[in-house]
Amino acid sequence: MTAVDSAAPATAAERLAAFADALDDCHERAVPGGVVVSRAGWAVASARRLGTGVPVPDGSGVLAARHGLRASGPEALGAFRGALLELHRRTLRGVLDAAVARLDQRESEGSPLLGRQLVRGSVADVALALSQARDVLRLPRPTAGRHHRVHRELVDAGRTALKLYGAFGFTAEGPGGLLHLTELLGDTYLCPEDPEAGAGHE
C-alpha cells in the first residue's frame, strides 16, 4: 500500500506507516536490501529498514535517520531521486484529492467552499504543478539539477494545498506532517549544497 492508494489510510498513523513503506520501496528499487545514502552522508528510511538511527521530526518513530555513512554511487542516487520525487508527487496528489473532497462537503452561506473562485484557483495551481512534475519526471536523461527544481516546485504546491485545509492542516490528523516529511527528504537527497544538483547540467 502506498500513501495514495484508492483505499487511502484513514488515520494519520496509518498514512505515515504507508508512507514509510513506500519510502522503503524507493530504497529497495535503488539498492536492493539496503538504503541510499545522500552525498552529505545521511540516510533516511523506516526505523525497521535502517536498523539504528535517530527519530525523524514528524516521523512519530516510524522513520529514522543516520549520518556518517558512505555516500551511495551516482547510479543508485539517480534511481532513488527519481523514485523519491514520484513518491512526493503521489503523496501531494493524495493530499489534494482529500482537500477537494473535504471542501466539497463543507458549506459557507449555503454553497460548497469548493465553488469559491479563490479556492478553485488554488486547486488548479496544485493540479498544474502535479501535471508538470509528472511530465518532467518522464523526460529522458534525468539530472540532479532537474530533480531539485521539481522538488522545490512540489514543495511550493504542497504549501498551497495545505492552505486548503485551514487550521486542520496543522493538526495531528492533518496532512501538514506528511508534507513536511516530503520536504525534509527532498532537502536531504536533493539539497542545493549537493555539487551535482547545483551544476545545472541539462
N, C-alpha and C. Protein backbone atom coordinates (compact mmCIF):
# COMPACT_ATOMS: atom_id res chain seq x y z
N MET A 1 0.84 -1.19 0.00
CA MET A 1 0.00 0.00 0.00
C MET A 1 0.88 1.24 0.00
N THR A 2 0.55 2.21 -0.81
CA THR A 2 1.29 3.47 -0.82
C THR A 2 0.48 4.53 -0.11
N ALA A 3 1.09 5.72 -0.03
CA ALA A 3 0.43 6.81 0.69
C ALA A 3 -0.80 7.32 -0.04
N VAL A 4 -1.02 6.92 -1.27
CA VAL A 4 -2.13 7.47 -2.03
C VAL A 4 -2.97 6.38 -2.69
N ASP A 5 -3.04 5.19 -2.11
CA ASP A 5 -3.91 4.16 -2.65
C ASP A 5 -5.35 4.65 -2.66
N SER A 6 -6.17 4.07 -3.57
CA SER A 6 -7.57 4.48 -3.63
C SER A 6 -8.27 4.21 -2.30
N ALA A 7 -7.86 3.12 -1.62
CA ALA A 7 -8.38 2.86 -0.28
C ALA A 7 -7.41 3.54 0.69
N ALA A 8 -7.47 4.86 0.75
CA ALA A 8 -6.49 5.64 1.50
C ALA A 8 -6.58 5.34 2.99
N PRO A 9 -5.42 5.26 3.67
CA PRO A 9 -5.43 5.05 5.11
C PRO A 9 -6.26 6.12 5.81
N ALA A 10 -6.99 5.72 6.84
CA ALA A 10 -7.97 6.61 7.45
C ALA A 10 -7.35 7.55 8.49
N THR A 11 -6.30 7.13 9.16
CA THR A 11 -5.72 7.95 10.22
C THR A 11 -4.33 8.42 9.85
N ALA A 12 -3.86 9.42 10.59
CA ALA A 12 -2.52 9.95 10.33
C ALA A 12 -1.46 8.88 10.55
N ALA A 13 -1.63 8.06 11.58
CA ALA A 13 -0.68 6.98 11.85
C ALA A 13 -0.63 5.98 10.71
N GLU A 14 -1.79 5.66 10.16
CA GLU A 14 -1.84 4.72 9.03
C GLU A 14 -1.23 5.34 7.78
N ARG A 15 -1.47 6.62 7.57
CA ARG A 15 -0.88 7.29 6.41
C ARG A 15 0.64 7.33 6.53
N LEU A 16 1.13 7.57 7.74
CA LEU A 16 2.58 7.62 7.95
C LEU A 16 3.20 6.24 7.73
N ALA A 17 2.54 5.19 8.21
CA ALA A 17 3.05 3.83 8.02
C ALA A 17 3.09 3.49 6.54
N ALA A 18 2.06 3.89 5.80
CA ALA A 18 2.03 3.64 4.36
C ALA A 18 3.13 4.42 3.66
N PHE A 19 3.37 5.65 4.11
CA PHE A 19 4.43 6.46 3.53
C PHE A 19 5.79 5.82 3.78
N ALA A 20 6.01 5.32 4.99
CA ALA A 20 7.28 4.67 5.32
C ALA A 20 7.50 3.45 4.45
N ASP A 21 6.45 2.67 4.21
CA ASP A 21 6.56 1.50 3.33
C ASP A 21 6.94 1.94 1.92
N ALA A 22 6.32 3.00 1.45
CA ALA A 22 6.60 3.49 0.10
C ALA A 22 8.03 4.03 0.00
N LEU A 23 8.51 4.69 1.07
CA LEU A 23 9.88 5.18 1.08
C LEU A 23 10.86 4.01 1.04
N ASP A 24 10.59 2.98 1.81
CA ASP A 24 11.45 1.79 1.78
C ASP A 24 11.46 1.15 0.39
N ASP A 25 10.33 1.21 -0.29
CA ASP A 25 10.27 0.68 -1.65
C ASP A 25 11.18 1.48 -2.59
N CYS A 26 11.26 2.80 -2.36
CA CYS A 26 12.18 3.62 -3.16
C CYS A 26 13.62 3.16 -2.94
N HIS A 27 13.98 2.90 -1.68
CA HIS A 27 15.32 2.39 -1.38
C HIS A 27 15.54 1.03 -2.05
N GLU A 28 14.56 0.17 -1.96
CA GLU A 28 14.68 -1.18 -2.50
C GLU A 28 14.91 -1.16 -4.00
N ARG A 29 14.24 -0.25 -4.68
CA ARG A 29 14.40 -0.16 -6.13
C ARG A 29 15.79 0.30 -6.52
N ALA A 30 16.41 1.13 -5.67
CA ALA A 30 17.74 1.66 -5.99
C ALA A 30 18.87 0.79 -5.44
N VAL A 31 18.69 0.27 -4.22
CA VAL A 31 19.71 -0.55 -3.57
C VAL A 31 19.00 -1.72 -2.89
N PRO A 32 18.75 -2.80 -3.61
CA PRO A 32 18.02 -3.94 -3.03
C PRO A 32 18.64 -4.40 -1.70
N GLY A 33 17.81 -4.42 -0.67
CA GLY A 33 18.25 -4.87 0.64
C GLY A 33 18.98 -3.82 1.46
N GLY A 34 19.20 -2.63 0.90
CA GLY A 34 19.96 -1.61 1.62
C GLY A 34 19.25 -0.28 1.66
N VAL A 35 20.02 0.78 1.91
CA VAL A 35 19.47 2.14 1.92
C VAL A 35 20.39 3.03 1.09
N VAL A 36 19.80 4.02 0.48
CA VAL A 36 20.56 5.01 -0.29
C VAL A 36 21.04 6.09 0.66
N VAL A 37 22.30 6.46 0.53
CA VAL A 37 22.91 7.47 1.38
C VAL A 37 23.18 8.72 0.54
N SER A 38 22.78 9.88 1.04
CA SER A 38 22.98 11.14 0.32
C SER A 38 24.46 11.48 0.25
N ARG A 39 24.81 12.45 -0.60
CA ARG A 39 26.20 12.86 -0.73
C ARG A 39 26.74 13.46 0.56
N ALA A 40 25.85 13.95 1.41
CA ALA A 40 26.28 14.50 2.71
C ALA A 40 26.38 13.43 3.78
N GLY A 41 26.11 12.18 3.42
CA GLY A 41 26.26 11.08 4.37
C GLY A 41 25.04 10.75 5.20
N TRP A 42 23.87 11.22 4.78
CA TRP A 42 22.62 10.95 5.50
C TRP A 42 21.83 9.85 4.81
N ALA A 43 21.19 9.03 5.62
CA ALA A 43 20.23 8.04 5.11
C ALA A 43 18.95 8.18 5.93
N VAL A 44 17.81 8.20 5.24
CA VAL A 44 16.50 8.28 5.90
C VAL A 44 15.63 7.16 5.35
N ALA A 45 15.07 6.37 6.25
CA ALA A 45 14.21 5.24 5.86
C ALA A 45 13.34 4.89 7.06
N SER A 46 12.56 3.83 6.93
CA SER A 46 11.80 3.39 8.09
C SER A 46 12.79 2.92 9.16
N ALA A 47 12.39 3.05 10.42
CA ALA A 47 13.26 2.59 11.51
C ALA A 47 13.53 1.10 11.36
N ARG A 48 12.58 0.38 10.85
CA ARG A 48 12.74 -1.06 10.65
C ARG A 48 13.83 -1.35 9.63
N ARG A 49 13.84 -0.63 8.53
CA ARG A 49 14.83 -0.88 7.48
C ARG A 49 16.22 -0.35 7.86
N LEU A 50 16.24 0.83 8.49
CA LEU A 50 17.51 1.45 8.80
C LEU A 50 18.24 0.75 9.95
N GLY A 51 17.47 0.20 10.87
CA GLY A 51 18.07 -0.52 11.99
C GLY A 51 18.40 0.38 13.16
N THR A 52 19.37 1.27 13.00
CA THR A 52 19.73 2.21 14.05
C THR A 52 19.69 3.62 13.48
N GLY A 53 19.45 4.58 14.34
CA GLY A 53 19.39 5.96 13.90
C GLY A 53 18.57 6.79 14.86
N VAL A 54 18.40 8.06 14.53
CA VAL A 54 17.62 8.96 15.37
C VAL A 54 16.26 9.17 14.74
N PRO A 55 15.23 9.38 15.56
CA PRO A 55 13.89 9.61 15.00
C PRO A 55 13.85 10.85 14.12
N VAL A 56 13.07 10.79 13.07
CA VAL A 56 12.90 11.92 12.15
C VAL A 56 11.76 12.79 12.65
N PRO A 57 11.92 14.12 12.67
CA PRO A 57 10.81 15.00 13.07
C PRO A 57 9.56 14.72 12.24
N ASP A 58 8.42 14.68 12.90
CA ASP A 58 7.12 14.38 12.28
C ASP A 58 7.03 12.92 11.84
N GLY A 59 8.01 12.11 12.18
CA GLY A 59 8.00 10.70 11.78
C GLY A 59 7.40 9.77 12.81
N SER A 60 7.08 10.29 14.01
CA SER A 60 6.43 9.51 15.07
C SER A 60 7.15 8.20 15.36
N GLY A 61 8.46 8.20 15.21
CA GLY A 61 9.22 6.99 15.48
C GLY A 61 9.21 5.97 14.37
N VAL A 62 8.40 6.21 13.33
CA VAL A 62 8.31 5.26 12.21
C VAL A 62 9.50 5.44 11.27
N LEU A 63 9.97 6.68 11.11
CA LEU A 63 11.11 6.98 10.25
C LEU A 63 12.33 7.33 11.10
N ALA A 64 13.51 6.96 10.59
CA ALA A 64 14.74 7.25 11.30
C ALA A 64 15.79 7.75 10.32
N ALA A 65 16.82 8.40 10.86
CA ALA A 65 17.91 8.93 10.04
C ALA A 65 19.24 8.56 10.68
N ARG A 66 20.24 8.33 9.82
CA ARG A 66 21.61 8.08 10.28
C ARG A 66 22.55 8.97 9.49
N HIS A 67 23.63 9.39 10.15
CA HIS A 67 24.63 10.23 9.50
C HIS A 67 26.00 9.60 9.61
N GLY A 68 26.88 9.99 8.71
CA GLY A 68 28.24 9.49 8.76
C GLY A 68 28.47 8.27 7.90
N LEU A 69 27.51 7.94 7.05
CA LEU A 69 27.64 6.78 6.18
C LEU A 69 28.32 7.18 4.87
N ARG A 70 28.83 6.20 4.17
CA ARG A 70 29.45 6.47 2.88
C ARG A 70 28.36 6.72 1.83
N ALA A 71 28.52 7.79 1.06
CA ALA A 71 27.51 8.15 0.07
C ALA A 71 27.35 7.06 -0.98
N SER A 72 26.12 6.89 -1.44
CA SER A 72 25.83 5.92 -2.49
C SER A 72 26.39 6.43 -3.82
N GLY A 73 26.57 5.53 -4.77
CA GLY A 73 27.08 5.88 -6.07
C GLY A 73 26.06 6.65 -6.90
N PRO A 74 26.52 7.29 -7.97
CA PRO A 74 25.65 8.11 -8.81
C PRO A 74 24.45 7.35 -9.37
N GLU A 75 24.62 6.10 -9.75
CA GLU A 75 23.52 5.35 -10.33
C GLU A 75 22.42 5.10 -9.31
N ALA A 76 22.82 4.70 -8.10
CA ALA A 76 21.83 4.46 -7.05
C ALA A 76 21.15 5.76 -6.64
N LEU A 77 21.94 6.82 -6.51
CA LEU A 77 21.35 8.11 -6.13
C LEU A 77 20.37 8.60 -7.19
N GLY A 78 20.73 8.45 -8.45
CA GLY A 78 19.84 8.89 -9.52
C GLY A 78 18.53 8.13 -9.52
N ALA A 79 18.61 6.81 -9.36
CA ALA A 79 17.38 5.99 -9.33
C ALA A 79 16.53 6.35 -8.12
N PHE A 80 17.17 6.56 -6.98
CA PHE A 80 16.43 6.88 -5.77
C PHE A 80 15.77 8.24 -5.87
N ARG A 81 16.50 9.21 -6.40
CA ARG A 81 15.93 10.55 -6.53
C ARG A 81 14.67 10.55 -7.38
N GLY A 82 14.71 9.83 -8.49
CA GLY A 82 13.52 9.75 -9.33
C GLY A 82 12.35 9.10 -8.61
N ALA A 83 12.63 8.01 -7.89
CA ALA A 83 11.57 7.31 -7.15
C ALA A 83 11.04 8.19 -6.02
N LEU A 84 11.94 8.91 -5.35
CA LEU A 84 11.53 9.77 -4.24
C LEU A 84 10.63 10.91 -4.71
N LEU A 85 10.97 11.48 -5.85
CA LEU A 85 10.13 12.55 -6.39
C LEU A 85 8.77 12.04 -6.82
N GLU A 86 8.73 10.84 -7.35
CA GLU A 86 7.44 10.25 -7.72
C GLU A 86 6.60 10.00 -6.47
N LEU A 87 7.24 9.57 -5.38
CA LEU A 87 6.53 9.41 -4.10
C LEU A 87 6.01 10.75 -3.61
N HIS A 88 6.82 11.79 -3.71
CA HIS A 88 6.40 13.14 -3.32
C HIS A 88 5.18 13.55 -4.14
N ARG A 89 5.25 13.32 -5.45
CA ARG A 89 4.15 13.71 -6.33
C ARG A 89 2.87 12.94 -5.98
N ARG A 90 2.98 11.65 -5.76
CA ARG A 90 1.78 10.85 -5.43
C ARG A 90 1.21 11.25 -4.08
N THR A 91 2.09 11.55 -3.14
CA THR A 91 1.62 11.97 -1.81
C THR A 91 0.86 13.28 -1.90
N LEU A 92 1.41 14.24 -2.64
CA LEU A 92 0.73 15.52 -2.82
C LEU A 92 -0.59 15.35 -3.55
N ARG A 93 -0.64 14.45 -4.51
CA ARG A 93 -1.89 14.18 -5.22
C ARG A 93 -2.95 13.69 -4.24
N GLY A 94 -2.55 12.80 -3.32
CA GLY A 94 -3.49 12.32 -2.32
C GLY A 94 -3.98 13.43 -1.41
N VAL A 95 -3.06 14.33 -1.03
CA VAL A 95 -3.42 15.46 -0.17
C VAL A 95 -4.40 16.38 -0.90
N LEU A 96 -4.16 16.63 -2.18
CA LEU A 96 -5.06 17.48 -2.96
C LEU A 96 -6.44 16.83 -3.11
N ASP A 97 -6.46 15.54 -3.44
CA ASP A 97 -7.75 14.85 -3.61
C ASP A 97 -8.57 14.90 -2.33
N ALA A 98 -7.91 14.69 -1.20
CA ALA A 98 -8.62 14.73 0.08
C ALA A 98 -9.11 16.14 0.39
N ALA A 99 -8.34 17.16 0.01
CA ALA A 99 -8.76 18.54 0.23
C ALA A 99 -9.99 18.87 -0.59
N VAL A 100 -10.00 18.43 -1.85
CA VAL A 100 -11.15 18.70 -2.73
C VAL A 100 -12.40 18.03 -2.16
N ALA A 101 -12.27 16.78 -1.73
CA ALA A 101 -13.43 16.08 -1.15
C ALA A 101 -13.91 16.79 0.11
N ARG A 102 -12.99 17.25 0.92
CA ARG A 102 -13.34 17.95 2.17
C ARG A 102 -14.05 19.26 1.87
N LEU A 103 -13.52 20.03 0.93
CA LEU A 103 -14.11 21.33 0.61
C LEU A 103 -15.48 21.18 -0.05
N ASP A 104 -15.67 20.12 -0.80
CA ASP A 104 -16.95 19.89 -1.46
C ASP A 104 -18.05 19.57 -0.46
N GLN A 105 -17.68 19.09 0.72
CA GLN A 105 -18.65 18.73 1.75
C GLN A 105 -18.89 19.85 2.75
N ARG A 106 -18.05 20.85 2.72
CA ARG A 106 -18.19 21.96 3.68
C ARG A 106 -18.85 23.15 2.98
N GLU A 107 -19.77 23.78 3.69
CA GLU A 107 -20.53 24.87 3.09
C GLU A 107 -20.32 26.18 3.81
N SER A 108 -20.48 27.24 3.06
CA SER A 108 -20.48 28.60 3.61
C SER A 108 -21.55 29.38 2.87
N GLU A 109 -22.48 29.96 3.61
CA GLU A 109 -23.58 30.72 3.03
C GLU A 109 -24.37 29.86 2.04
N GLY A 110 -24.54 28.61 2.38
CA GLY A 110 -25.39 27.73 1.60
C GLY A 110 -24.77 27.10 0.37
N SER A 111 -23.49 27.29 0.13
CA SER A 111 -22.85 26.69 -1.04
C SER A 111 -21.51 26.07 -0.64
N PRO A 112 -21.08 25.03 -1.37
CA PRO A 112 -19.81 24.36 -1.04
C PRO A 112 -18.63 25.32 -1.15
N LEU A 113 -17.69 25.18 -0.24
CA LEU A 113 -16.49 26.01 -0.28
C LEU A 113 -15.71 25.79 -1.57
N LEU A 114 -15.85 24.60 -2.14
CA LEU A 114 -15.13 24.28 -3.37
C LEU A 114 -15.56 25.18 -4.52
N GLY A 115 -16.74 25.76 -4.43
CA GLY A 115 -17.23 26.61 -5.50
C GLY A 115 -16.63 28.01 -5.51
N ARG A 116 -15.91 28.38 -4.47
CA ARG A 116 -15.34 29.72 -4.42
C ARG A 116 -14.19 29.86 -5.42
N GLN A 117 -14.13 31.00 -6.07
CA GLN A 117 -13.15 31.21 -7.13
C GLN A 117 -11.72 31.07 -6.63
N LEU A 118 -11.40 31.65 -5.48
CA LEU A 118 -10.04 31.58 -4.97
C LEU A 118 -9.65 30.15 -4.62
N VAL A 119 -10.61 29.40 -4.08
CA VAL A 119 -10.35 28.00 -3.73
C VAL A 119 -10.09 27.20 -5.00
N ARG A 120 -10.95 27.39 -5.99
CA ARG A 120 -10.78 26.66 -7.25
C ARG A 120 -9.46 27.03 -7.94
N GLY A 121 -9.06 28.29 -7.79
CA GLY A 121 -7.79 28.72 -8.36
C GLY A 121 -6.61 28.01 -7.69
N SER A 122 -6.68 27.86 -6.37
CA SER A 122 -5.61 27.17 -5.65
C SER A 122 -5.55 25.70 -6.02
N VAL A 123 -6.72 25.08 -6.15
CA VAL A 123 -6.77 23.67 -6.57
C VAL A 123 -6.15 23.52 -7.96
N ALA A 124 -6.48 24.44 -8.85
CA ALA A 124 -5.94 24.38 -10.21
C ALA A 124 -4.42 24.56 -10.20
N ASP A 125 -3.91 25.45 -9.35
CA ASP A 125 -2.46 25.67 -9.27
C ASP A 125 -1.73 24.40 -8.84
N VAL A 126 -2.28 23.72 -7.85
CA VAL A 126 -1.64 22.48 -7.37
C VAL A 126 -1.74 21.39 -8.43
N ALA A 127 -2.90 21.28 -9.06
CA ALA A 127 -3.08 20.27 -10.10
C ALA A 127 -2.11 20.51 -11.26
N LEU A 128 -1.89 21.76 -11.62
CA LEU A 128 -0.95 22.09 -12.70
C LEU A 128 0.47 21.71 -12.31
N ALA A 129 0.86 22.00 -11.07
CA ALA A 129 2.20 21.64 -10.61
C ALA A 129 2.40 20.12 -10.63
N LEU A 130 1.38 19.39 -10.27
CA LEU A 130 1.45 17.92 -10.30
C LEU A 130 1.61 17.42 -11.72
N SER A 131 0.86 18.00 -12.64
CA SER A 131 0.95 17.59 -14.04
C SER A 131 2.32 17.90 -14.62
N GLN A 132 2.85 19.08 -14.30
CA GLN A 132 4.17 19.47 -14.80
C GLN A 132 5.25 18.57 -14.23
N ALA A 133 5.15 18.24 -12.94
CA ALA A 133 6.13 17.36 -12.32
C ALA A 133 6.12 15.99 -12.98
N ARG A 134 4.93 15.47 -13.24
CA ARG A 134 4.81 14.16 -13.91
C ARG A 134 5.49 14.19 -15.27
N ASP A 135 5.25 15.24 -16.03
CA ASP A 135 5.83 15.33 -17.37
C ASP A 135 7.34 15.48 -17.33
N VAL A 136 7.85 16.30 -16.41
CA VAL A 136 9.30 16.50 -16.32
C VAL A 136 10.00 15.21 -15.89
N LEU A 137 9.38 14.47 -14.96
CA LEU A 137 9.99 13.24 -14.49
C LEU A 137 10.03 12.16 -15.58
N ARG A 138 9.22 12.32 -16.60
CA ARG A 138 9.22 11.35 -17.70
C ARG A 138 10.24 11.69 -18.78
N LEU A 139 10.88 12.85 -18.68
CA LEU A 139 11.88 13.23 -19.68
C LEU A 139 13.08 12.29 -19.62
N PRO A 140 13.72 12.03 -20.75
CA PRO A 140 14.90 11.16 -20.74
C PRO A 140 16.11 11.86 -20.12
N ARG A 141 17.10 11.06 -19.75
CA ARG A 141 18.36 11.54 -19.19
C ARG A 141 18.13 12.53 -18.04
N PRO A 142 17.51 12.07 -16.95
CA PRO A 142 17.26 12.97 -15.81
C PRO A 142 18.57 13.45 -15.19
N THR A 143 18.54 14.64 -14.66
CA THR A 143 19.71 15.22 -13.99
C THR A 143 19.35 15.60 -12.56
N ALA A 144 20.37 15.72 -11.72
CA ALA A 144 20.15 16.12 -10.33
C ALA A 144 19.58 17.54 -10.26
N GLY A 145 20.05 18.42 -11.15
CA GLY A 145 19.54 19.78 -11.17
C GLY A 145 18.05 19.83 -11.48
N ARG A 146 17.64 19.02 -12.45
CA ARG A 146 16.22 18.95 -12.80
C ARG A 146 15.41 18.37 -11.64
N HIS A 147 15.95 17.34 -11.01
CA HIS A 147 15.26 16.74 -9.86
C HIS A 147 15.06 17.76 -8.75
N HIS A 148 16.09 18.57 -8.50
CA HIS A 148 15.98 19.56 -7.44
C HIS A 148 14.90 20.60 -7.75
N ARG A 149 14.83 21.03 -8.97
CA ARG A 149 13.80 22.02 -9.36
C ARG A 149 12.40 21.43 -9.20
N VAL A 150 12.21 20.18 -9.60
CA VAL A 150 10.90 19.54 -9.43
C VAL A 150 10.54 19.47 -7.95
N HIS A 151 11.51 19.12 -7.14
CA HIS A 151 11.27 19.05 -5.69
C HIS A 151 10.78 20.39 -5.15
N ARG A 152 11.46 21.48 -5.50
CA ARG A 152 11.07 22.79 -4.98
C ARG A 152 9.68 23.19 -5.47
N GLU A 153 9.36 22.85 -6.71
CA GLU A 153 8.03 23.17 -7.24
C GLU A 153 6.95 22.37 -6.51
N LEU A 154 7.24 21.13 -6.18
CA LEU A 154 6.27 20.32 -5.44
C LEU A 154 6.13 20.82 -4.01
N VAL A 155 7.21 21.27 -3.41
CA VAL A 155 7.13 21.85 -2.07
C VAL A 155 6.22 23.08 -2.07
N ASP A 156 6.42 23.96 -3.04
CA ASP A 156 5.58 25.16 -3.14
C ASP A 156 4.11 24.78 -3.33
N ALA A 157 3.86 23.79 -4.21
CA ALA A 157 2.49 23.35 -4.45
C ALA A 157 1.90 22.72 -3.19
N GLY A 158 2.72 22.00 -2.43
CA GLY A 158 2.24 21.40 -1.20
C GLY A 158 1.81 22.44 -0.18
N ARG A 159 2.53 23.52 -0.12
CA ARG A 159 2.16 24.58 0.82
C ARG A 159 0.85 25.25 0.40
N THR A 160 0.64 25.34 -0.91
CA THR A 160 -0.65 25.86 -1.40
C THR A 160 -1.77 24.89 -1.04
N ALA A 161 -1.53 23.60 -1.23
CA ALA A 161 -2.54 22.59 -0.92
C ALA A 161 -2.87 22.58 0.57
N LEU A 162 -1.86 22.78 1.40
CA LEU A 162 -2.08 22.76 2.84
C LEU A 162 -3.01 23.88 3.28
N LYS A 163 -2.94 25.01 2.60
CA LYS A 163 -3.81 26.14 2.96
C LYS A 163 -5.28 25.81 2.71
N LEU A 164 -5.54 24.86 1.81
CA LEU A 164 -6.93 24.47 1.54
C LEU A 164 -7.58 23.80 2.74
N TYR A 165 -6.76 23.33 3.68
CA TYR A 165 -7.28 22.66 4.88
C TYR A 165 -7.52 23.62 6.03
N GLY A 166 -7.06 24.85 5.90
CA GLY A 166 -7.18 25.78 7.02
C GLY A 166 -6.37 25.28 8.21
N ALA A 167 -6.83 25.58 9.41
CA ALA A 167 -6.11 25.19 10.62
C ALA A 167 -5.98 23.68 10.76
N PHE A 168 -6.93 22.93 10.21
CA PHE A 168 -6.89 21.46 10.33
C PHE A 168 -5.61 20.89 9.73
N GLY A 169 -5.07 21.54 8.70
CA GLY A 169 -3.86 21.04 8.06
C GLY A 169 -2.69 20.91 9.00
N PHE A 170 -2.69 21.68 10.09
CA PHE A 170 -1.56 21.68 11.01
C PHE A 170 -1.83 20.87 12.28
N THR A 171 -2.98 20.20 12.34
CA THR A 171 -3.27 19.35 13.49
C THR A 171 -2.60 17.99 13.32
N ALA A 172 -2.68 17.17 14.36
CA ALA A 172 -2.06 15.85 14.32
C ALA A 172 -2.65 14.98 13.22
N GLU A 173 -3.93 15.15 12.94
CA GLU A 173 -4.59 14.34 11.92
C GLU A 173 -4.54 14.97 10.53
N GLY A 174 -4.06 16.20 10.44
CA GLY A 174 -3.98 16.88 9.15
C GLY A 174 -2.76 16.42 8.36
N PRO A 175 -2.65 16.88 7.11
CA PRO A 175 -1.57 16.43 6.23
C PRO A 175 -0.26 17.20 6.37
N GLY A 176 -0.21 18.18 7.26
CA GLY A 176 0.99 19.00 7.37
C GLY A 176 2.25 18.21 7.67
N GLY A 177 2.15 17.26 8.59
CA GLY A 177 3.31 16.46 8.96
C GLY A 177 3.83 15.63 7.81
N LEU A 178 2.93 15.06 7.04
CA LEU A 178 3.33 14.22 5.90
C LEU A 178 4.01 15.07 4.83
N LEU A 179 3.46 16.25 4.56
CA LEU A 179 4.09 17.12 3.58
C LEU A 179 5.45 17.63 4.06
N HIS A 180 5.56 17.82 5.37
CA HIS A 180 6.86 18.22 5.91
C HIS A 180 7.89 17.12 5.68
N LEU A 181 7.50 15.87 5.79
CA LEU A 181 8.42 14.77 5.55
C LEU A 181 8.89 14.74 4.10
N THR A 182 7.99 15.00 3.16
CA THR A 182 8.41 15.01 1.75
C THR A 182 9.42 16.13 1.51
N GLU A 183 9.22 17.26 2.19
CA GLU A 183 10.15 18.37 2.04
C GLU A 183 11.50 18.02 2.66
N LEU A 184 11.48 17.43 3.85
CA LEU A 184 12.72 17.04 4.52
C LEU A 184 13.51 16.03 3.70
N LEU A 185 12.83 15.06 3.14
CA LEU A 185 13.51 14.04 2.34
C LEU A 185 14.15 14.65 1.09
N GLY A 186 13.42 15.54 0.44
CA GLY A 186 13.98 16.19 -0.73
C GLY A 186 15.19 17.04 -0.38
N ASP A 187 15.11 17.74 0.75
CA ASP A 187 16.24 18.56 1.17
C ASP A 187 17.44 17.70 1.56
N THR A 188 17.19 16.48 1.98
CA THR A 188 18.27 15.57 2.34
C THR A 188 18.96 15.00 1.11
N TYR A 189 18.18 14.58 0.14
CA TYR A 189 18.74 13.90 -1.03
C TYR A 189 18.88 14.80 -2.26
N LEU A 190 18.28 16.00 -2.21
CA LEU A 190 18.34 16.90 -3.36
C LEU A 190 18.73 18.31 -2.95
N CYS A 191 19.49 18.43 -1.87
CA CYS A 191 19.78 19.74 -1.30
C CYS A 191 20.63 20.58 -2.25
N PRO A 192 20.46 21.91 -2.21
CA PRO A 192 21.23 22.80 -3.09
C PRO A 192 22.73 22.68 -2.91
N GLU A 193 23.16 22.25 -1.70
CA GLU A 193 24.60 22.13 -1.45
C GLU A 193 25.22 20.95 -2.18
N ASP A 194 24.37 20.04 -2.69
CA ASP A 194 24.87 18.91 -3.43
C ASP A 194 25.56 19.42 -4.70
N PRO A 195 26.86 19.15 -4.89
CA PRO A 195 27.57 19.69 -6.07
C PRO A 195 26.89 19.32 -7.38
N GLU A 196 26.37 18.11 -7.46
CA GLU A 196 25.74 17.69 -8.71
C GLU A 196 24.45 18.44 -8.95
N ALA A 197 23.69 18.66 -7.85
CA ALA A 197 22.42 19.36 -8.01
C ALA A 197 22.64 20.81 -8.40
N GLY A 198 23.74 21.40 -7.95
CA GLY A 198 23.99 22.79 -8.25
C GLY A 198 24.64 23.02 -9.59
N ALA A 199 25.04 21.94 -10.25
CA ALA A 199 25.77 22.09 -11.51
C ALA A 199 24.87 22.54 -12.64
N GLY A 200 23.58 22.17 -12.58
CA GLY A 200 22.63 22.60 -13.58
C GLY A 200 22.84 21.96 -14.95
N HIS A 201 23.39 20.76 -15.00
CA HIS A 201 23.59 20.09 -16.28
C HIS A 201 22.27 19.67 -16.86
N GLU A 202 22.00 20.01 -18.09
CA GLU A 202 20.75 19.64 -18.74
C GLU A 202 21.03 18.94 -20.07
